[in-house]
PDB file of N, CA and C in Angstrom:
ATOM      1  N   MET A   1      -7.068  17.578 -28.767  1.00  0.00           N
ATOM      2  CA  MET A   1      -6.725  16.323 -28.118  1.00  0.00           C
ATOM      3  C   MET A   1      -6.217  15.243 -28.983  1.00  0.00           C
ATOM      4  N   ARG A   2      -6.986  14.934 -29.905  1.00  0.00           N
ATOM      5  CA  ARG A   2      -6.482  14.058 -30.805  1.00  0.00           C
ATOM      6  C   ARG A   2      -5.146  14.104 -31.187  1.00  0.00           C
ATOM      7  N   ASP A   3      -4.393  15.334 -31.496  1.00  0.00           N
ATOM      8  CA  ASP A   3      -3.478  15.459 -32.351  1.00  0.00           C
ATOM      9  C   ASP A   3      -2.244  15.067 -31.048  1.00  0.00           C
ATOM     10  N   THR A   4      -2.675  15.283 -29.830  1.00  0.00           N
ATOM     11  CA  THR A   4      -1.714  15.052 -28.618  1.00  0.00           C
ATOM     12  C   THR A   4      -1.476  13.697 -28.473  1.00  0.00           C
ATOM     13  N   ARG A   5      -2.892  13.012 -28.520  1.00  0.00           N
ATOM     14  CA  ARG A   5      -2.680  11.651 -28.396  1.00  0.00           C
ATOM     15  C   ARG A   5      -1.965  11.063 -29.483  1.00  0.00           C
ATOM     16  N   GLN A   6      -2.199  11.392 -30.748  1.00  0.00           N
ATOM     17  CA  GLN A   6      -1.362  10.894 -31.761  1.00  0.00           C
ATOM     18  C   GLN A   6       0.077  11.241 -31.652  1.00  0.00           C
ATOM     19  N   HIS A   7       0.439  12.369 -31.137  1.00  0.00           N
ATOM     20  CA  HIS A   7       1.611  12.813 -30.961  1.00  0.00           C
ATOM     21  C   HIS A   7       2.495  11.842 -30.094  1.00  0.00           C
ATOM     22  N   ALA A   8       1.825  11.641 -28.907  1.00  0.00           N
ATOM     23  CA  ALA A   8       2.204  10.687 -27.766  1.00  0.00           C
ATOM     24  C   ALA A   8       2.321   9.264 -28.384  1.00  0.00           C
ATOM     25  N   HIS A   9       1.387   8.913 -29.234  1.00  0.00           N
ATOM     26  CA  HIS A   9       1.760   7.701 -29.561  1.00  0.00           C
ATOM     27  C   HIS A   9       3.316   7.437 -30.786  1.00  0.00           C
ATOM     28  N   GLN A  10       3.400   8.428 -31.551  1.00  0.00           N
ATOM     29  CA  GLN A  10       4.359   8.658 -32.298  1.00  0.00           C
ATOM     30  C   GLN A  10       5.538   8.713 -31.529  1.00  0.00           C
ATOM     31  N   LEU A  11       5.769   9.670 -30.446  1.00  0.00           N
ATOM     32  CA  LEU A  11       7.010   9.487 -29.509  1.00  0.00           C
ATOM     33  C   LEU A  11       6.966   8.323 -29.139  1.00  0.00           C
ATOM     34  N   ILE A  12       6.067   7.530 -28.403  1.00  0.00           N
ATOM     35  CA  ILE A  12       6.133   6.172 -27.961  1.00  0.00           C
ATOM     36  C   ILE A  12       7.060   5.189 -28.866  1.00  0.00           C
ATOM     37  N   ASP A  13       6.558   5.161 -30.114  1.00  0.00           N
ATOM     38  CA  ASP A  13       6.699   4.385 -31.048  1.00  0.00           C
ATOM     39  C   ASP A  13       8.372   4.502 -31.645  1.00  0.00           C
ATOM     40  N   ARG A  14       8.905   5.719 -30.997  1.00  0.00           N
ATOM     41  CA  ARG A  14      10.161   6.100 -31.286  1.00  0.00           C
ATOM     42  C   ARG A  14      11.059   5.642 -30.173  1.00  0.00           C
ATOM     43  N   MET A  15      10.715   5.460 -29.194  1.00  0.00           N
ATOM     44  CA  MET A  15      11.674   5.061 -27.889  1.00  0.00           C
ATOM     45  C   MET A  15      12.233   3.554 -28.011  1.00  0.00           C
ATOM     46  N   PRO A  16      13.310   3.412 -27.482  1.00  0.00           N
ATOM     47  CA  PRO A  16      13.799   2.207 -27.609  1.00  0.00           C
ATOM     48  C   PRO A  16      13.162   1.319 -26.915  1.00  0.00           C
ATOM     49  N   GLU A  17      13.279   0.005 -27.236  1.00  0.00           N
ATOM     50  CA  GLU A  17      12.525  -0.760 -26.103  1.00  0.00           C
ATOM     51  C   GLU A  17      13.166  -0.931 -24.747  1.00  0.00           C
ATOM     52  N   THR A  18      14.131  -0.621 -24.480  1.00  0.00           N
ATOM     53  CA  THR A  18      14.791  -0.696 -23.133  1.00  0.00           C
ATOM     54  C   THR A  18      14.201   0.611 -22.155  1.00  0.00           C
ATOM     55  N   GLN A  19      13.442   1.455 -22.928  1.00  0.00           N
ATOM     56  CA  GLN A  19      12.699   2.557 -22.058  1.00  0.00           C
ATOM     57  C   GLN A  19      11.451   2.217 -21.847  1.00  0.00           C
ATOM     58  N   LEU A  20      10.887   1.388 -22.718  1.00  0.00           N
ATOM     59  CA  LEU A  20       9.431   1.302 -22.491  1.00  0.00           C
ATOM     60  C   LEU A  20       8.693   0.682 -21.305  1.00  0.00           C
ATOM     61  N   ASN A  21       9.436   0.001 -20.597  1.00  0.00           N
ATOM     62  CA  ASN A  21       8.919  -0.490 -19.265  1.00  0.00           C
ATOM     63  C   ASN A  21       8.702   0.487 -17.947  1.00  0.00           C
ATOM     64  N   GLY A  22       9.740   1.396 -18.086  1.00  0.00           N
ATOM     65  CA  GLY A  22       9.680   2.762 -17.157  1.00  0.00           C
ATOM     66  C   GLY A  22       8.817   3.478 -17.529  1.00  0.00           C
ATOM     67  N   LEU A  23       8.604   3.636 -18.973  1.00  0.00           N
ATOM     68  CA  LEU A  23       7.319   4.689 -19.272  1.00  0.00           C
ATOM     69  C   LEU A  23       6.184   4.221 -18.926  1.00  0.00           C
ATOM     70  N   VAL A  24       5.837   3.147 -19.116  1.00  0.00           N
ATOM     71  CA  VAL A  24       4.316   2.170 -19.119  1.00  0.00           C
ATOM     72  C   VAL A  24       4.026   2.317 -17.287  1.00  0.00           C
ATOM     73  N   ARG A  25       5.532   2.012 -16.728  1.00  0.00           N
ATOM     74  CA  ARG A  25       4.938   2.472 -15.039  1.00  0.00           C
ATOM     75  C   ARG A  25       4.788   3.644 -14.821  1.00  0.00           C
ATOM     76  N   PHE A  26       5.363   4.483 -15.560  1.00  0.00           N
ATOM     77  CA  PHE A  26       4.894   6.013 -15.001  1.00  0.00           C
ATOM     78  C   PHE A  26       3.510   6.586 -15.588  1.00  0.00           C
ATOM     79  N   LEU A  27       3.162   5.645 -16.396  1.00  0.00           N
ATOM     80  CA  LEU A  27       1.983   6.311 -17.161  1.00  0.00           C
ATOM     81  C   LEU A  27       0.766   5.391 -16.347  1.00  0.00           C
ATOM     82  N   GLU A  28       0.947   4.276 -15.702  1.00  0.00           N
ATOM     83  CA  GLU A  28       0.045   3.609 -14.809  1.00  0.00           C
ATOM     84  C   GLU A  28      -0.041   4.275 -13.425  1.00  0.00           C
ATOM     85  N   THR A  29       1.150   5.017 -12.968  1.00  0.00           N
ATOM     86  CA  THR A  29       1.051   5.813 -11.917  1.00  0.00           C
ATOM     87  C   THR A  29       0.142   7.221 -11.982  1.00  0.00           C
ATOM     88  N   ILE A  30       0.107   7.344 -13.127  1.00  0.00           N
ATOM     89  CA  ILE A  30      -0.741   8.921 -13.293  1.00  0.00           C
ATOM     90  C   ILE A  30      -2.365   8.452 -13.842  1.00  0.00           C
ATOM     91  N   VAL A  31      -2.039   7.199 -14.339  1.00  0.00           N
ATOM     92  CA  VAL A  31      -3.961   6.686 -14.751  1.00  0.00           C
ATOM     93  C   VAL A  31      -4.460   6.295 -13.453  1.00  0.00           C
ATOM     94  N   ASP A  32      -3.653   5.100 -12.676  1.00  0.00           N
ATOM     95  CA  ASP A  32      -4.388   4.622 -11.580  1.00  0.00           C
ATOM     96  C   ASP A  32      -3.454   4.723 -10.246  1.00  0.00           C
ATOM     97  N   PRO A  33      -3.105   5.768  -9.645  1.00  0.00           N
ATOM     98  CA  PRO A  33      -2.423   6.383  -8.605  1.00  0.00           C
ATOM     99  C   PRO A  33      -2.457   4.934  -7.699  1.00  0.00           C
ATOM    100  N   VAL A  34      -3.832   4.783  -7.094  1.00  0.00           N
ATOM    101  CA  VAL A  34      -4.211   3.559  -6.144  1.00  0.00           C
ATOM    102  C   VAL A  34      -3.752   2.187  -6.084  1.00  0.00           C
ATOM    103  N   ALA A  35      -3.661   1.896  -7.549  1.00  0.00           N
ATOM    104  CA  ALA A  35      -3.216   0.722  -7.878  1.00  0.00           C
ATOM    105  C   ALA A  35      -1.706   0.508  -7.675  1.00  0.00           C
ATOM    106  N   THR A  36      -1.074   1.691  -8.165  1.00  0.00           N
ATOM    107  CA  THR A  36      -0.073   1.581  -8.200  1.00  0.00           C
ATOM    108  C   THR A  36       0.592   1.749  -6.869  1.00  0.00           C
ATOM    109  N   ALA A  37       0.018   2.475  -6.066  1.00  0.00           N
ATOM    110  CA  ALA A  37       0.457   2.197  -4.598  1.00  0.00           C
ATOM    111  C   ALA A  37       0.270   0.991  -3.906  1.00  0.00           C
ATOM    112  N   LEU A  38      -0.771  -0.048  -4.277  1.00  0.00           N
ATOM    113  CA  LEU A  38      -0.734  -1.137  -3.629  1.00  0.00           C
ATOM    114  C   LEU A  38      -0.054  -2.121  -4.131  1.00  0.00           C
ATOM    115  N   ARG A  39       0.315  -2.081  -5.625  1.00  0.00           N
ATOM    116  CA  ARG A  39       1.512  -2.782  -6.143  1.00  0.00           C
ATOM    117  C   ARG A  39       2.663  -2.571  -5.260  1.00  0.00           C
ATOM    118  N   ASP A  40       3.079  -1.213  -5.255  1.00  0.00           N
ATOM    119  CA  ASP A  40       4.308  -1.072  -4.932  1.00  0.00           C
ATOM    120  C   ASP A  40       4.700  -1.068  -3.073  1.00  0.00           C
ATOM    121  N   ALA A  41       3.327  -1.274  -2.672  1.00  0.00           N
ATOM    122  CA  ALA A  41       3.499  -1.621  -0.660  1.00  0.00           C
ATOM    123  C   ALA A  41       4.430  -2.414  -0.630  1.00  0.00           C
ATOM    124  N   PRO A  42       4.788  -2.287   0.563  1.00  0.00           N
ATOM    125  CA  PRO A  42       5.688  -3.454   1.049  1.00  0.00           C
ATOM    126  C   PRO A  42       4.651  -4.511   1.572  1.00  0.00           C
ATOM    127  N   PRO A  43       5.014  -5.594   1.626  1.00  0.00           N
ATOM    128  CA  PRO A  43       4.231  -6.842   2.083  1.00  0.00           C
ATOM    129  C   PRO A  43       4.108  -6.309   3.757  1.00  0.00           C
ATOM    130  N   ASP A  44       2.988  -6.910   4.226  1.00  0.00           N
ATOM    131  CA  ASP A  44       2.607  -6.753   5.516  1.00  0.00           C
ATOM    132  C   ASP A  44       3.418  -7.878   6.392  1.00  0.00           C
ATOM    133  N   ASP A  45       4.493  -7.468   7.250  1.00  0.00           N
ATOM    134  CA  ASP A  45       5.414  -8.298   7.977  1.00  0.00           C
ATOM    135  C   ASP A  45       5.099  -8.473   9.142  1.00  0.00           C
ATOM    136  N   GLU A  46       4.279  -8.017   9.945  1.00  0.00           N
ATOM    137  CA  GLU A  46       3.809  -7.674  11.180  1.00  0.00           C
ATOM    138  C   GLU A  46       3.047  -9.246  11.356  1.00  0.00           C
ATOM    139  N   PRO A  47       3.852  -9.733  12.651  1.00  0.00           N
ATOM    140  CA  PRO A  47       2.976 -11.112  13.062  1.00  0.00           C
ATOM    141  C   PRO A  47       1.461 -10.745  13.482  1.00  0.00           C
ATOM    142  N   GLU A  48       0.662 -11.703  13.463  1.00  0.00           N
ATOM    143  CA  GLU A  48      -0.554 -11.691  13.779  1.00  0.00           C
ATOM    144  C   GLU A  48      -0.780 -11.898  15.111  1.00  0.00           C
ATOM    145  N   THR A  49      -1.508 -11.065  15.593  1.00  0.00           N
ATOM    146  CA  THR A  49      -1.847 -11.032  16.850  1.00  0.00           C
ATOM    147  C   THR A  49      -2.756 -12.051  17.360  1.00  0.00           C
ATOM    148  N   ASP A  50      -2.533 -12.105  18.825  1.00  0.00           N
ATOM    149  CA  ASP A  50      -3.739 -13.390  19.105  1.00  0.00           C
ATOM    150  C   ASP A  50      -5.029 -13.006  19.109  1.00  0.00           C
ATOM    151  N   GLU A  51      -5.658 -11.700  18.954  1.00  0.00           N
ATOM    152  CA  GLU A  51      -6.982 -11.310  18.999  1.00  0.00           C
ATOM    153  C   GLU A  51      -7.091 -11.056  17.502  1.00  0.00           C
ATOM    154  N   GLU A  52      -6.116 -11.295  16.408  1.00  0.00           N
ATOM    155  CA  GLU A  52      -6.271 -11.293  15.019  1.00  0.00           C
ATOM    156  C   GLU A  52      -6.666 -12.919  14.648  1.00  0.00           C
ATOM    157  N   LYS A  53      -5.997 -13.673  15.567  1.00  0.00           N
ATOM    158  CA  LYS A  53      -6.181 -15.079  15.219  1.00  0.00           C
ATOM    159  C   LYS A  53      -7.448 -15.677  15.744  1.00  0.00           C
ATOM    160  N   THR A  54      -7.964 -15.121  16.837  1.00  0.00           N
ATOM    161  CA  THR A  54      -9.491 -15.535  17.401  1.00  0.00           C
ATOM    162  C   THR A  54     -10.210 -14.928  16.461  1.00  0.00           C
ATOM    163  N   ALA A  55      -9.942 -13.587  15.997  1.00  0.00           N
ATOM    164  CA  ALA A  55     -11.243 -13.380  14.964  1.00  0.00           C
ATOM    165  C   ALA A  55     -11.203 -13.943  13.780  1.00  0.00           C
ATOM    166  N   VAL A  56     -10.261 -14.581  13.120  1.00  0.00           N
ATOM    167  CA  VAL A  56      -9.848 -15.066  12.018  1.00  0.00           C
ATOM    168  C   VAL A  56     -10.537 -16.659  12.161  1.00  0.00           C
ATOM    169  N   ALA A  57     -10.051 -17.316  13.256  1.00  0.00           N
ATOM    170  CA  ALA A  57     -10.875 -18.560  13.739  1.00  0.00           C
ATOM    171  C   ALA A  57     -12.241 -18.623  13.610  1.00  0.00           C
ATOM    172  N   GLU A  58     -12.922 -17.547  14.434  1.00  0.00           N
ATOM    173  CA  GLU A  58     -14.191 -17.084  14.698  1.00  0.00           C
ATOM    174  C   GLU A  58     -14.993 -17.029  13.262  1.00  0.00           C
ATOM    175  N   ALA A  59     -14.374 -16.295  12.397  1.00  0.00           N
ATOM    176  CA  ALA A  59     -15.020 -16.144  11.102  1.00  0.00           C
ATOM    177  C   ALA A  59     -14.862 -17.476  10.180  1.00  0.00           C
ATOM    178  N   LYS A  60     -14.049 -18.229  10.109  1.00  0.00           N
ATOM    179  CA  LYS A  60     -14.167 -19.446   9.693  1.00  0.00           C
ATOM    180  C   LYS A  60     -15.062 -20.325  10.035  1.00  0.00           C
ATOM    181  N   ARG A  61     -15.418 -20.546  11.716  1.00  0.00           N
ATOM    182  CA  ARG A  61     -16.361 -21.013  12.431  1.00  0.00           C
ATOM    183  C   ARG A  61     -17.902 -20.408  11.694  1.00  0.00           C
ATOM    184  N   TRP A  62     -17.724 -19.391  11.645  1.00  0.00           N
ATOM    185  CA  TRP A  62     -19.024 -18.995  11.228  1.00  0.00           C
ATOM    186  C   TRP A  62     -19.636 -19.216   9.906  1.00  0.00           C
ATOM    187  N   LEU A  63     -18.393 -19.179   8.918  1.00  0.00           N
ATOM    188  CA  LEU A  63     -18.996 -19.458   7.580  1.00  0.00           C
ATOM    189  C   LEU A  63     -18.746 -21.090   7.141  1.00  0.00           C
ATOM    190  N   ARG A  64     -18.129 -21.954   8.144  1.00  0.00           N
ATOM    191  CA  ARG A  64     -18.601 -23.352   8.071  1.00  0.00           C
ATOM    192  C   ARG A  64     -19.915 -23.697   8.503  1.00  0.00           C
ATOM    193  N   ASP A  65     -20.543 -22.841   9.814  1.00  0.00           N
ATOM    194  CA  ASP A  65     -21.492 -23.370  10.059  1.00  0.00           C
ATOM    195  C   ASP A  65     -22.564 -22.525   9.342  1.00  0.00           C
ATOM    196  N   ASN A  66     -22.451 -22.009   8.342  1.00  0.00           N
ATOM    197  CA  ASN A  66     -23.357 -21.271   7.625  1.00  0.00           C
ATOM    198  C   ASN A  66     -23.261 -21.725   6.095  1.00  0.00           C
ATOM    199  N   GLY A  67     -22.570 -22.841   5.819  1.00  0.00           N
ATOM    200  CA  GLY A  67     -22.635 -23.885   4.730  1.00  0.00           C
ATOM    201  C   GLY A  67     -21.746 -23.181   3.950  1.00  0.00           C
ATOM    202  N   GLY A  68     -20.878 -22.312   4.202  1.00  0.00           N
ATOM    203  CA  GLY A  68     -19.768 -21.904   3.396  1.00  0.00           C
ATOM    204  C   GLY A  68     -20.132 -20.666   2.822  1.00  0.00           C
ATOM    205  N   LYS A  69     -21.380 -20.048   2.964  1.00  0.00           N
ATOM    206  CA  LYS A  69     -21.822 -18.905   2.357  1.00  0.00           C
ATOM    207  C   LYS A  69     -21.392 -17.883   3.101  1.00  0.00           C
ATOM    208  N   GLY A  70     -21.029 -16.627   2.409  1.00  0.00           N
ATOM    209  CA  GLY A  70     -20.983 -15.185   3.287  1.00  0.00           C
ATOM    210  C   GLY A  70     -22.124 -14.717   3.317  1.00  0.00           C
ATOM    211  N   VAL A  71     -22.159 -13.508   3.778  1.00  0.00           N
ATOM    212  CA  VAL A  71     -23.107 -12.590   3.547  1.00  0.00           C
ATOM    213  C   VAL A  71     -23.150 -11.858   2.160  1.00  0.00           C
ATOM    214  N   PRO A  72     -24.425 -11.736   1.506  1.00  0.00           N
ATOM    215  CA  PRO A  72     -24.627 -11.401  -0.070  1.00  0.00           C
ATOM    216  C   PRO A  72     -24.202  -9.547   0.761  1.00  0.00           C
ATOM    217  N   HIS A  73     -23.568  -8.946  -0.680  1.00  0.00           N
ATOM    218  CA  HIS A  73     -23.196  -7.536  -0.473  1.00  0.00           C
ATOM    219  C   HIS A  73     -24.290  -6.436  -0.055  1.00  0.00           C
ATOM    220  N   ALA A  74     -25.879  -6.985  -0.698  1.00  0.00           N
ATOM    221  CA  ALA A  74     -26.986  -6.054  -0.483  1.00  0.00           C
ATOM    222  C   ALA A  74     -27.247  -6.232   0.730  1.00  0.00           C
ATOM    223  N   GLU A  75     -27.345  -7.558   1.558  1.00  0.00           N
ATOM    224  CA  GLU A  75     -27.402  -7.668   2.821  1.00  0.00           C
ATOM    225  C   GLU A  75     -26.318  -7.123   4.122  1.00  0.00           C
ATOM    226  N   ALA A  76     -25.405  -7.235   3.591  1.00  0.00           N
ATOM    227  CA  ALA A  76     -24.177  -6.341   4.451  1.00  0.00           C
ATOM    228  C   ALA A  76     -24.406  -4.883   4.541  1.00  0.00           C
ATOM    229  N   VAL A  77     -24.629  -4.073   3.396  1.00  0.00           N
ATOM    230  CA  VAL A  77     -24.950  -3.112   3.622  1.00  0.00           C
ATOM    231  C   VAL A  77     -26.131  -2.537   4.411  1.00  0.00           C
ATOM    232  N   ARG A  78     -27.258  -3.390   3.990  1.00  0.00           N
ATOM    233  CA  ARG A  78     -28.388  -3.379   5.056  1.00  0.00           C
ATOM    234  C   ARG A  78     -28.138  -3.106   6.404  1.00  0.00           C
ATOM    235  N   ARG A  79     -27.490  -4.171   6.947  1.00  0.00           N
ATOM    236  CA  ARG A  79     -27.232  -4.695   8.149  1.00  0.00           C
ATOM    237  C   ARG A  79     -26.422  -3.412   8.721  1.00  0.00           C
ATOM    238  N   LEU A  80     -25.416  -2.983   7.931  1.00  0.00           N
ATOM    239  CA  LEU A  80     -24.357  -1.718   8.400  1.00  0.00           C
ATOM    240  C   LEU A  80     -25.479  -0.712   8.007  1.00  0.00           C
ATOM    241  N   ALA A  81     -26.516  -0.332   7.635  1.00  0.00           N
ATOM    242  CA  ALA A  81     -27.124   0.777   7.417  1.00  0.00           C
ATOM    243  C   ALA A  81     -26.615   1.810   6.695  1.00  0.00           C
ATOM    244  N   LEU A  82     -25.949   1.349   5.448  1.00  0.00           N
ATOM    245  CA  LEU A  82     -25.186   2.339   4.773  1.00  0.00           C
ATOM    246  C   LEU A  82     -26.180   2.737   3.403  1.00  0.00           C
ATOM    247  N   GLU A  83     -27.014   2.061   3.466  1.00  0.00           N
ATOM    248  CA  GLU A  83     -28.064   3.128   2.427  1.00  0.00           C
ATOM    249  C   GLU A  83     -28.963   3.773   2.614  1.00  0.00           C
TER     250      GLU A  83
END
């Protein structure tokens, strides 16, 4: 495996600078396809529904009324019975 890694490094070192960006994007896709998909996903351009606006307002009110502190992760897991 070490020989393969060294060979890959040697090939990269021989590549013209103009091709490195494409290679990096390709390698990122192989190494972390989820992050690549998120990076390349189109922006959410759907308008916010009245129901979503109400839910956000309620969440902000809840945070304000609770001193700006959310629910700790361990507590959320307990409440949702995920353990």
